[in-house]
Amino acid sequence: MKTKLIISDFDGTLVDTKEANFQAYKEVLSHFDFLLTKEIYHQVFGMRLKEFMHYININDPFIIEQVRNMKAQIYPQYFELIRINTPLLEFIALMRLNGVKTALASTAQKDNVFNLLNHINQSQLFDLIVTGANVVKAKPDPECFLSIMAYFNCKAEETLIFEDSFVGIKAAIQSQAQYIQIKKNIH
């Protein structure tokens, strides 16, 4: 069956933001007298902000919101540390030119996703962008993929998903779509 929809994960698949996120969170958390180490960040990478904050024993909703806002403000200062998966971007752009619908499915914060897409001049690449704010259940639940397929009225067998993480692959499998796992050597 012909592919009618491509869905790409964001971080680790389309772009590698791990170092940029680490540096931004390290700076923000220093204002709250918390020293974020690479070891701790490696353990929480990929978690939603609230889960990340609970993991490091920051439970005050006001402080969590401050962290969210401060991180969104300073994150662009670290964009030079981001690595782009140029071959995947070019493939998605080519498929879109050939009539395939394109979507981005990320659990990242909406502002961070859009700021970064604007920074790499790819904000118009996707017909639909779904972020953590648009779904109730995070990956490995397939909700984000299933909602995108429903939006475009595409069947699972007409959909191709690009993912990198274990939870993302698990969600792709549960959605019953075709998928390609992206390895961690983004250039």
N, C-alpha and C. Protein backbone atom coordinates (compact mmCIF):
# COMPACT_ATOMS: atom_id res chain seq x y z
N MET A 1 0.84 -1.19 0.00
CA MET A 1 0.00 0.00 0.00
C MET A 1 0.88 1.25 0.00
N LYS A 2 0.46 2.28 -0.68
CA LYS A 2 1.22 3.52 -0.81
C LYS A 2 1.26 4.29 0.52
N THR A 3 2.43 4.88 0.82
CA THR A 3 2.56 5.71 2.00
C THR A 3 1.90 7.06 1.74
N LYS A 4 0.94 7.42 2.60
CA LYS A 4 0.23 8.68 2.47
C LYS A 4 0.57 9.67 3.59
N LEU A 5 1.22 9.15 4.65
CA LEU A 5 1.51 9.98 5.82
C LEU A 5 2.86 9.59 6.41
N ILE A 6 3.68 10.60 6.65
CA ILE A 6 4.94 10.41 7.37
C ILE A 6 4.85 11.15 8.68
N ILE A 7 5.17 10.45 9.76
CA ILE A 7 5.22 11.06 11.10
C ILE A 7 6.63 10.93 11.62
N SER A 8 7.20 12.03 12.05
CA SER A 8 8.54 11.99 12.62
C SER A 8 8.50 12.44 14.07
N ASP A 9 9.24 11.72 14.90
CA ASP A 9 9.53 12.19 16.24
C ASP A 9 10.46 13.39 16.09
N PHE A 10 10.61 14.15 17.14
CA PHE A 10 11.44 15.36 17.07
C PHE A 10 12.84 15.10 17.61
N ASP A 11 12.94 15.02 18.93
CA ASP A 11 14.25 14.95 19.54
C ASP A 11 14.84 13.55 19.45
N GLY A 12 16.06 13.49 18.94
CA GLY A 12 16.75 12.23 18.77
C GLY A 12 16.51 11.64 17.40
N THR A 13 15.48 12.11 16.73
CA THR A 13 15.13 11.61 15.40
C THR A 13 15.42 12.68 14.36
N LEU A 14 14.72 13.79 14.45
CA LEU A 14 14.90 14.89 13.50
C LEU A 14 16.06 15.79 13.91
N VAL A 15 16.19 15.99 15.19
CA VAL A 15 17.28 16.80 15.75
C VAL A 15 17.77 16.15 17.04
N ASP A 16 19.02 16.40 17.37
CA ASP A 16 19.57 15.93 18.64
C ASP A 16 19.76 17.17 19.52
N THR A 17 18.89 17.29 20.52
CA THR A 17 18.90 18.48 21.39
C THR A 17 19.41 18.17 22.79
N LYS A 18 19.95 16.99 22.99
CA LYS A 18 20.29 16.57 24.35
C LYS A 18 21.25 17.54 25.03
N GLU A 19 22.32 17.91 24.36
CA GLU A 19 23.31 18.81 24.98
C GLU A 19 22.72 20.20 25.18
N ALA A 20 21.97 20.69 24.23
CA ALA A 20 21.36 22.02 24.36
C ALA A 20 20.37 22.05 25.52
N ASN A 21 19.55 21.01 25.62
CA ASN A 21 18.61 20.94 26.73
C ASN A 21 19.32 20.83 28.07
N PHE A 22 20.35 20.00 28.11
CA PHE A 22 21.12 19.84 29.35
C PHE A 22 21.67 21.18 29.82
N GLN A 23 22.32 21.91 28.92
CA GLN A 23 22.93 23.19 29.29
C GLN A 23 21.88 24.21 29.73
N ALA A 24 20.74 24.24 29.03
CA ALA A 24 19.68 25.18 29.39
C ALA A 24 19.09 24.84 30.77
N TYR A 25 18.79 23.57 30.99
CA TYR A 25 18.25 23.17 32.30
C TYR A 25 19.28 23.36 33.41
N LYS A 26 20.52 23.10 33.12
CA LYS A 26 21.59 23.29 34.12
C LYS A 26 21.63 24.75 34.56
N GLU A 27 21.55 25.65 33.58
CA GLU A 27 21.57 27.08 33.91
C GLU A 27 20.34 27.48 34.72
N VAL A 28 19.16 27.05 34.27
CA VAL A 28 17.93 27.41 34.97
C VAL A 28 17.92 26.86 36.39
N LEU A 29 18.26 25.59 36.54
CA LEU A 29 18.20 24.97 37.86
C LEU A 29 19.23 25.53 38.83
N SER A 30 20.30 26.11 38.30
CA SER A 30 21.28 26.75 39.19
C SER A 30 20.66 27.93 39.94
N HIS A 31 19.64 28.56 39.35
CA HIS A 31 18.93 29.66 40.02
C HIS A 31 18.10 29.16 41.20
N PHE A 32 17.88 27.86 41.24
CA PHE A 32 17.12 27.25 42.34
C PHE A 32 18.04 26.40 43.22
N ASP A 33 19.35 26.70 43.13
CA ASP A 33 20.38 26.01 43.92
C ASP A 33 20.39 24.51 43.71
N PHE A 34 20.17 24.09 42.47
CA PHE A 34 20.24 22.67 42.13
C PHE A 34 21.31 22.50 41.07
N LEU A 35 22.29 21.64 41.34
CA LEU A 35 23.33 21.36 40.37
C LEU A 35 22.93 20.15 39.54
N LEU A 36 22.57 20.39 38.28
CA LEU A 36 22.19 19.31 37.38
C LEU A 36 23.45 18.73 36.75
N THR A 37 23.69 17.44 36.98
CA THR A 37 24.84 16.77 36.39
C THR A 37 24.41 16.02 35.13
N LYS A 38 25.39 15.67 34.31
CA LYS A 38 25.08 14.89 33.11
C LYS A 38 24.50 13.53 33.49
N GLU A 39 24.96 12.96 34.60
CA GLU A 39 24.46 11.66 35.04
C GLU A 39 22.98 11.74 35.37
N ILE A 40 22.60 12.76 36.12
CA ILE A 40 21.18 12.93 36.46
C ILE A 40 20.37 13.21 35.20
N TYR A 41 20.88 14.10 34.34
CA TYR A 41 20.12 14.45 33.14
C TYR A 41 19.94 13.23 32.23
N HIS A 42 20.95 12.39 32.16
CA HIS A 42 20.83 11.17 31.34
C HIS A 42 19.67 10.30 31.84
N GLN A 43 19.45 10.28 33.13
CA GLN A 43 18.37 9.47 33.71
C GLN A 43 16.98 10.06 33.43
N VAL A 44 16.89 11.37 33.28
CA VAL A 44 15.58 12.01 33.11
C VAL A 44 15.30 12.43 31.67
N PHE A 45 16.29 12.29 30.79
CA PHE A 45 16.13 12.75 29.42
C PHE A 45 14.95 12.05 28.76
N GLY A 46 14.05 12.82 28.18
CA GLY A 46 12.87 12.28 27.52
C GLY A 46 11.62 12.34 28.38
N MET A 47 11.79 12.59 29.68
CA MET A 47 10.63 12.73 30.56
C MET A 47 9.95 14.06 30.30
N ARG A 48 8.66 14.11 30.57
CA ARG A 48 7.97 15.40 30.57
C ARG A 48 8.50 16.21 31.74
N LEU A 49 8.39 17.53 31.64
CA LEU A 49 8.96 18.42 32.65
C LEU A 49 8.51 18.08 34.06
N LYS A 50 7.22 17.86 34.23
CA LYS A 50 6.68 17.59 35.57
C LYS A 50 7.32 16.33 36.16
N GLU A 51 7.45 15.29 35.35
CA GLU A 51 8.09 14.05 35.81
C GLU A 51 9.55 14.28 36.14
N PHE A 52 10.24 15.04 35.29
CA PHE A 52 11.65 15.40 35.50
C PHE A 52 11.80 16.13 36.83
N MET A 53 10.95 17.12 37.07
CA MET A 53 11.04 17.90 38.30
C MET A 53 10.77 17.02 39.53
N HIS A 54 9.78 16.16 39.45
CA HIS A 54 9.49 15.25 40.57
C HIS A 54 10.68 14.34 40.84
N TYR A 55 11.33 13.89 39.77
CA TYR A 55 12.48 13.00 39.90
C TYR A 55 13.61 13.66 40.70
N ILE A 56 13.77 14.97 40.50
CA ILE A 56 14.84 15.68 41.23
C ILE A 56 14.30 16.40 42.46
N ASN A 57 13.11 15.98 42.91
CA ASN A 57 12.49 16.47 44.15
C ASN A 57 12.11 17.95 44.13
N ILE A 58 11.72 18.44 42.97
CA ILE A 58 11.12 19.77 42.87
C ILE A 58 9.64 19.52 42.61
N ASN A 59 8.82 19.77 43.61
CA ASN A 59 7.40 19.43 43.53
C ASN A 59 6.47 20.63 43.61
N ASP A 60 6.99 21.80 43.87
CA ASP A 60 6.19 23.00 43.98
C ASP A 60 5.73 23.43 42.57
N PRO A 61 4.41 23.46 42.31
CA PRO A 61 3.92 23.82 40.97
C PRO A 61 4.39 25.20 40.51
N PHE A 62 4.52 26.13 41.43
CA PHE A 62 4.99 27.48 41.08
C PHE A 62 6.43 27.44 40.58
N ILE A 63 7.28 26.68 41.26
CA ILE A 63 8.68 26.58 40.85
C ILE A 63 8.77 25.83 39.51
N ILE A 64 7.99 24.79 39.34
CA ILE A 64 8.00 24.05 38.08
C ILE A 64 7.62 24.97 36.93
N GLU A 65 6.63 25.81 37.14
CA GLU A 65 6.22 26.76 36.09
C GLU A 65 7.32 27.79 35.83
N GLN A 66 8.01 28.22 36.87
CA GLN A 66 9.14 29.14 36.70
C GLN A 66 10.24 28.48 35.87
N VAL A 67 10.53 27.22 36.18
CA VAL A 67 11.55 26.48 35.43
C VAL A 67 11.14 26.40 33.96
N ARG A 68 9.88 26.06 33.71
CA ARG A 68 9.37 25.97 32.33
C ARG A 68 9.57 27.28 31.58
N ASN A 69 9.17 28.37 32.19
CA ASN A 69 9.26 29.68 31.53
C ASN A 69 10.70 30.14 31.34
N MET A 70 11.51 29.95 32.35
CA MET A 70 12.92 30.36 32.24
C MET A 70 13.64 29.54 31.18
N LYS A 71 13.36 28.23 31.15
CA LYS A 71 14.02 27.38 30.17
C LYS A 71 13.61 27.78 28.75
N ALA A 72 12.34 28.05 28.54
CA ALA A 72 11.87 28.48 27.21
C ALA A 72 12.56 29.76 26.77
N GLN A 73 12.83 30.66 27.73
CA GLN A 73 13.47 31.93 27.39
C GLN A 73 14.94 31.76 27.03
N ILE A 74 15.66 30.92 27.77
CA ILE A 74 17.11 30.82 27.51
C ILE A 74 17.49 29.72 26.52
N TYR A 75 16.58 28.79 26.26
CA TYR A 75 16.88 27.67 25.38
C TYR A 75 17.48 28.09 24.03
N PRO A 76 16.95 29.12 23.36
CA PRO A 76 17.53 29.52 22.07
C PRO A 76 19.02 29.88 22.13
N GLN A 77 19.51 30.26 23.30
CA GLN A 77 20.94 30.59 23.43
C GLN A 77 21.82 29.36 23.21
N TYR A 78 21.24 28.17 23.32
CA TYR A 78 22.00 26.94 23.20
C TYR A 78 21.73 26.20 21.87
N PHE A 79 21.02 26.84 20.96
CA PHE A 79 20.68 26.18 19.70
C PHE A 79 21.91 25.78 18.88
N GLU A 80 23.04 26.45 19.06
CA GLU A 80 24.24 26.09 18.30
C GLU A 80 24.75 24.69 18.67
N LEU A 81 24.27 24.15 19.79
CA LEU A 81 24.68 22.80 20.23
C LEU A 81 23.81 21.70 19.61
N ILE A 82 22.78 22.09 18.88
CA ILE A 82 21.84 21.13 18.30
C ILE A 82 22.40 20.56 17.00
N ARG A 83 22.22 19.25 16.83
CA ARG A 83 22.63 18.59 15.60
C ARG A 83 21.38 18.20 14.82
N ILE A 84 21.39 18.46 13.52
CA ILE A 84 20.23 18.25 12.66
C ILE A 84 20.41 16.99 11.83
N ASN A 85 19.36 16.20 11.70
CA ASN A 85 19.35 15.02 10.83
C ASN A 85 18.95 15.49 9.43
N THR A 86 19.90 16.05 8.71
CA THR A 86 19.65 16.64 7.40
C THR A 86 19.09 15.63 6.40
N PRO A 87 19.61 14.40 6.32
CA PRO A 87 19.01 13.45 5.36
C PRO A 87 17.53 13.18 5.62
N LEU A 88 17.14 13.08 6.88
CA LEU A 88 15.72 12.85 7.18
C LEU A 88 14.89 14.08 6.82
N LEU A 89 15.37 15.27 7.15
CA LEU A 89 14.65 16.50 6.78
C LEU A 89 14.45 16.56 5.27
N GLU A 90 15.50 16.25 4.51
CA GLU A 90 15.41 16.29 3.05
C GLU A 90 14.44 15.24 2.52
N PHE A 91 14.44 14.06 3.13
CA PHE A 91 13.52 13.00 2.71
C PHE A 91 12.07 13.42 2.96
N ILE A 92 11.80 13.95 4.14
CA ILE A 92 10.44 14.39 4.47
C ILE A 92 9.99 15.49 3.51
N ALA A 93 10.89 16.44 3.22
CA ALA A 93 10.55 17.54 2.29
C ALA A 93 10.24 16.99 0.90
N LEU A 94 11.02 16.03 0.43
CA LEU A 94 10.79 15.43 -0.88
C LEU A 94 9.46 14.68 -0.92
N MET A 95 9.17 13.92 0.13
CA MET A 95 7.90 13.20 0.19
C MET A 95 6.72 14.18 0.21
N ARG A 96 6.88 15.28 0.94
CA ARG A 96 5.81 16.28 1.01
C ARG A 96 5.57 16.90 -0.37
N LEU A 97 6.65 17.17 -1.10
CA LEU A 97 6.51 17.70 -2.46
C LEU A 97 5.75 16.73 -3.37
N ASN A 98 5.82 15.45 -3.03
CA ASN A 98 5.14 14.41 -3.82
C ASN A 98 3.76 14.07 -3.26
N GLY A 99 3.21 14.93 -2.41
CA GLY A 99 1.84 14.78 -1.97
C GLY A 99 1.62 14.00 -0.68
N VAL A 100 2.69 13.54 -0.06
CA VAL A 100 2.57 12.82 1.20
C VAL A 100 2.36 13.83 2.32
N LYS A 101 1.41 13.57 3.20
CA LYS A 101 1.18 14.44 4.36
C LYS A 101 2.31 14.21 5.36
N THR A 102 2.68 15.27 6.08
CA THR A 102 3.79 15.19 7.04
C THR A 102 3.34 15.70 8.40
N ALA A 103 3.81 15.01 9.43
CA ALA A 103 3.46 15.41 10.80
C ALA A 103 4.66 15.20 11.72
N LEU A 104 4.68 15.97 12.76
CA LEU A 104 5.70 15.86 13.80
C LEU A 104 4.99 15.47 15.09
N ALA A 105 5.51 14.45 15.77
CA ALA A 105 4.93 13.99 17.03
C ALA A 105 6.00 14.04 18.11
N SER A 106 5.85 14.97 19.05
CA SER A 106 6.85 15.16 20.08
C SER A 106 6.20 15.35 21.43
N THR A 107 6.85 14.85 22.47
CA THR A 107 6.38 15.12 23.83
C THR A 107 7.02 16.39 24.38
N ALA A 108 7.85 17.04 23.58
CA ALA A 108 8.51 18.27 24.01
C ALA A 108 7.49 19.41 24.15
N GLN A 109 7.93 20.45 24.84
CA GLN A 109 7.07 21.61 25.03
C GLN A 109 6.87 22.33 23.70
N LYS A 110 5.65 22.77 23.47
CA LYS A 110 5.27 23.41 22.20
C LYS A 110 6.20 24.56 21.83
N ASP A 111 6.47 25.46 22.77
CA ASP A 111 7.34 26.61 22.47
C ASP A 111 8.72 26.17 22.04
N ASN A 112 9.26 25.16 22.71
CA ASN A 112 10.60 24.67 22.36
C ASN A 112 10.62 24.09 20.95
N VAL A 113 9.61 23.32 20.61
CA VAL A 113 9.54 22.71 19.28
C VAL A 113 9.46 23.80 18.21
N PHE A 114 8.54 24.74 18.37
CA PHE A 114 8.35 25.77 17.35
C PHE A 114 9.55 26.71 17.27
N ASN A 115 10.16 27.07 18.41
CA ASN A 115 11.36 27.92 18.38
C ASN A 115 12.49 27.24 17.61
N LEU A 116 12.67 25.96 17.87
CA LEU A 116 13.75 25.24 17.19
C LEU A 116 13.45 25.04 15.71
N LEU A 117 12.20 24.71 15.37
CA LEU A 117 11.85 24.58 13.95
C LEU A 117 12.06 25.89 13.20
N ASN A 118 11.72 26.99 13.83
CA ASN A 118 11.97 28.30 13.22
C ASN A 118 13.47 28.55 13.07
N HIS A 119 14.24 28.16 14.07
CA HIS A 119 15.70 28.35 14.04
C HIS A 119 16.34 27.60 12.87
N ILE A 120 15.85 26.39 12.59
CA ILE A 120 16.44 25.60 11.50
C ILE A 120 15.67 25.80 10.19
N ASN A 121 14.78 26.79 10.16
CA ASN A 121 14.01 27.15 8.96
C ASN A 121 13.17 25.99 8.43
N GLN A 122 12.53 25.25 9.34
CA GLN A 122 11.71 24.12 8.93
C GLN A 122 10.30 24.18 9.50
N SER A 123 9.85 25.36 9.90
CA SER A 123 8.52 25.47 10.51
C SER A 123 7.39 25.16 9.54
N GLN A 124 7.66 25.23 8.24
CA GLN A 124 6.62 24.94 7.24
C GLN A 124 6.70 23.52 6.69
N LEU A 125 7.61 22.70 7.21
CA LEU A 125 7.80 21.35 6.69
C LEU A 125 6.65 20.41 7.04
N PHE A 126 5.96 20.69 8.13
CA PHE A 126 4.95 19.75 8.62
C PHE A 126 3.54 20.30 8.47
N ASP A 127 2.65 19.42 8.01
CA ASP A 127 1.24 19.78 7.88
C ASP A 127 0.55 19.81 9.24
N LEU A 128 1.10 19.08 10.19
CA LEU A 128 0.54 19.03 11.54
C LEU A 128 1.67 18.79 12.53
N ILE A 129 1.62 19.50 13.65
CA ILE A 129 2.60 19.32 14.72
C ILE A 129 1.84 19.02 16.00
N VAL A 130 2.14 17.87 16.58
CA VAL A 130 1.53 17.45 17.84
C VAL A 130 2.63 17.44 18.91
N THR A 131 2.40 18.19 19.99
CA THR A 131 3.37 18.23 21.09
C THR A 131 2.74 17.62 22.34
N GLY A 132 3.51 17.62 23.40
CA GLY A 132 3.02 17.07 24.66
C GLY A 132 1.74 17.72 25.14
N ALA A 133 1.53 18.98 24.77
CA ALA A 133 0.32 19.71 25.18
C ALA A 133 -0.94 19.19 24.48
N ASN A 134 -0.76 18.46 23.38
CA ASN A 134 -1.90 17.99 22.59
C ASN A 134 -2.38 16.58 22.91
N VAL A 135 -1.65 15.90 23.79
CA VAL A 135 -2.02 14.51 24.11
C VAL A 135 -2.11 14.33 25.62
N VAL A 136 -2.93 13.38 26.00
CA VAL A 136 -3.07 13.05 27.42
C VAL A 136 -2.00 12.06 27.84
N LYS A 137 -1.79 11.05 27.00
CA LYS A 137 -0.85 9.97 27.33
C LYS A 137 0.42 10.10 26.50
N ALA A 138 1.56 10.06 27.17
CA ALA A 138 2.86 10.14 26.50
C ALA A 138 3.25 8.78 25.94
N LYS A 139 4.20 8.80 25.02
CA LYS A 139 4.77 7.56 24.52
C LYS A 139 5.31 6.78 25.73
N PRO A 140 5.13 5.49 25.83
CA PRO A 140 4.91 4.50 24.78
C PRO A 140 3.45 4.32 24.36
N ASP A 141 2.54 5.10 24.93
CA ASP A 141 1.17 5.04 24.46
C ASP A 141 1.14 5.59 23.03
N PRO A 142 0.42 4.96 22.12
CA PRO A 142 0.40 5.41 20.72
C PRO A 142 -0.54 6.58 20.43
N GLU A 143 -1.09 7.21 21.47
CA GLU A 143 -2.09 8.27 21.27
C GLU A 143 -1.65 9.32 20.26
N CYS A 144 -0.42 9.79 20.34
CA CYS A 144 0.01 10.86 19.43
C CYS A 144 -0.04 10.38 17.98
N PHE A 145 0.41 9.16 17.71
CA PHE A 145 0.41 8.64 16.34
C PHE A 145 -1.02 8.37 15.86
N LEU A 146 -1.82 7.79 16.71
CA LEU A 146 -3.21 7.47 16.33
C LEU A 146 -4.02 8.75 16.06
N SER A 147 -3.78 9.79 16.87
CA SER A 147 -4.52 11.04 16.65
C SER A 147 -4.11 11.70 15.33
N ILE A 148 -2.85 11.59 14.98
CA ILE A 148 -2.38 12.15 13.70
C ILE A 148 -2.99 11.37 12.53
N MET A 149 -2.98 10.03 12.64
CA MET A 149 -3.58 9.22 11.58
C MET A 149 -5.06 9.55 11.42
N ALA A 150 -5.76 9.73 12.54
CA ALA A 150 -7.18 10.08 12.48
C ALA A 150 -7.38 11.45 11.85
N TYR A 151 -6.53 12.40 12.20
CA TYR A 151 -6.63 13.76 11.66
C TYR A 151 -6.55 13.74 10.12
N PHE A 152 -5.64 12.92 9.59
CA PHE A 152 -5.45 12.85 8.13
C PHE A 152 -6.28 11.73 7.49
N ASN A 153 -7.07 11.03 8.31
CA ASN A 153 -7.87 9.91 7.82
C ASN A 153 -7.01 8.89 7.07
N CYS A 154 -5.87 8.55 7.68
CA CYS A 154 -4.95 7.58 7.09
C CYS A 154 -4.94 6.31 7.93
N LYS A 155 -4.86 5.20 7.25
CA LYS A 155 -4.76 3.91 7.92
C LYS A 155 -3.33 3.69 8.38
N ALA A 156 -3.17 2.79 9.34
CA ALA A 156 -1.83 2.47 9.86
C ALA A 156 -0.90 2.00 8.75
N GLU A 157 -1.42 1.16 7.85
CA GLU A 157 -0.57 0.63 6.78
C GLU A 157 -0.19 1.69 5.73
N GLU A 158 -0.81 2.87 5.78
CA GLU A 158 -0.46 3.98 4.89
C GLU A 158 0.49 4.97 5.56
N THR A 159 0.89 4.66 6.79
CA THR A 159 1.67 5.58 7.61
C THR A 159 3.07 5.03 7.86
N LEU A 160 4.06 5.93 7.77
CA LEU A 160 5.45 5.60 8.06
C LEU A 160 5.92 6.52 9.18
N ILE A 161 6.41 5.92 10.27
CA ILE A 161 6.86 6.67 11.44
C ILE A 161 8.37 6.56 11.56
N PHE A 162 9.02 7.70 11.84
CA PHE A 162 10.45 7.73 12.15
C PHE A 162 10.59 8.00 13.64
N GLU A 163 11.30 7.12 14.33
CA GLU A 163 11.47 7.21 15.79
C GLU A 163 12.87 6.78 16.17
N ASP A 164 13.30 7.19 17.36
CA ASP A 164 14.61 6.77 17.82
C ASP A 164 14.58 6.03 19.15
N SER A 165 13.67 6.38 20.03
CA SER A 165 13.71 5.87 21.40
C SER A 165 12.93 4.57 21.55
N PHE A 166 13.23 3.86 22.61
CA PHE A 166 12.52 2.61 22.92
C PHE A 166 11.04 2.88 23.09
N VAL A 167 10.67 3.94 23.85
CA VAL A 167 9.25 4.23 24.07
C VAL A 167 8.56 4.67 22.79
N GLY A 168 9.28 5.39 21.94
CA GLY A 168 8.72 5.80 20.66
C GLY A 168 8.48 4.63 19.72
N ILE A 169 9.44 3.71 19.68
CA ILE A 169 9.29 2.51 18.86
C ILE A 169 8.13 1.67 19.37
N LYS A 170 8.03 1.55 20.69
CA LYS A 170 6.92 0.79 21.28
C LYS A 170 5.58 1.42 20.88
N ALA A 171 5.50 2.74 20.91
CA ALA A 171 4.26 3.44 20.51
C ALA A 171 3.98 3.21 19.02
N ALA A 172 5.02 3.25 18.20
CA ALA A 172 4.85 3.03 16.76
C ALA A 172 4.32 1.61 16.50
N ILE A 173 4.89 0.63 17.19
CA ILE A 173 4.44 -0.76 17.03
C ILE A 173 2.97 -0.88 17.44
N GLN A 174 2.62 -0.27 18.56
CA GLN A 174 1.24 -0.33 19.04
C GLN A 174 0.27 0.36 18.09
N SER A 175 0.74 1.36 17.35
CA SER A 175 -0.12 2.06 16.39
C SER A 175 -0.36 1.21 15.15
N GLN A 176 0.45 0.17 14.97
CA GLN A 176 0.40 -0.75 13.83
C GLN A 176 0.88 -0.13 12.52
N ALA A 177 1.50 1.05 12.60
CA ALA A 177 2.06 1.68 11.41
C ALA A 177 3.43 1.07 11.10
N GLN A 178 3.91 1.34 9.90
CA GLN A 178 5.27 0.99 9.54
C GLN A 178 6.19 1.97 10.28
N TYR A 179 7.39 1.55 10.60
CA TYR A 179 8.30 2.48 11.27
C TYR A 179 9.74 2.20 10.89
N ILE A 180 10.55 3.22 11.03
CA ILE A 180 12.00 3.12 10.83
C ILE A 180 12.65 3.69 12.08
N GLN A 181 13.57 2.92 12.66
CA GLN A 181 14.27 3.39 13.85
C GLN A 181 15.51 4.16 13.42
N ILE A 182 15.62 5.38 13.92
CA ILE A 182 16.76 6.24 13.64
C ILE A 182 17.82 6.00 14.72
N LYS A 183 19.02 5.76 14.29
CA LYS A 183 20.13 5.55 15.23
C LYS A 183 20.67 6.90 15.67
N LYS A 184 21.46 6.92 16.71
CA LYS A 184 21.88 8.16 17.38
C LYS A 184 23.04 8.90 16.74
N ASN A 185 23.35 8.70 15.48
CA ASN A 185 24.46 9.42 14.88
C ASN A 185 23.97 10.48 13.92
N ILE A 186 23.23 11.45 14.45
CA ILE A 186 22.74 12.60 13.68
C ILE A 186 23.91 13.53 13.40
N HIS A 187 23.99 14.04 12.18
CA HIS A 187 25.06 15.00 11.82
C HIS A 187 24.47 16.30 11.37
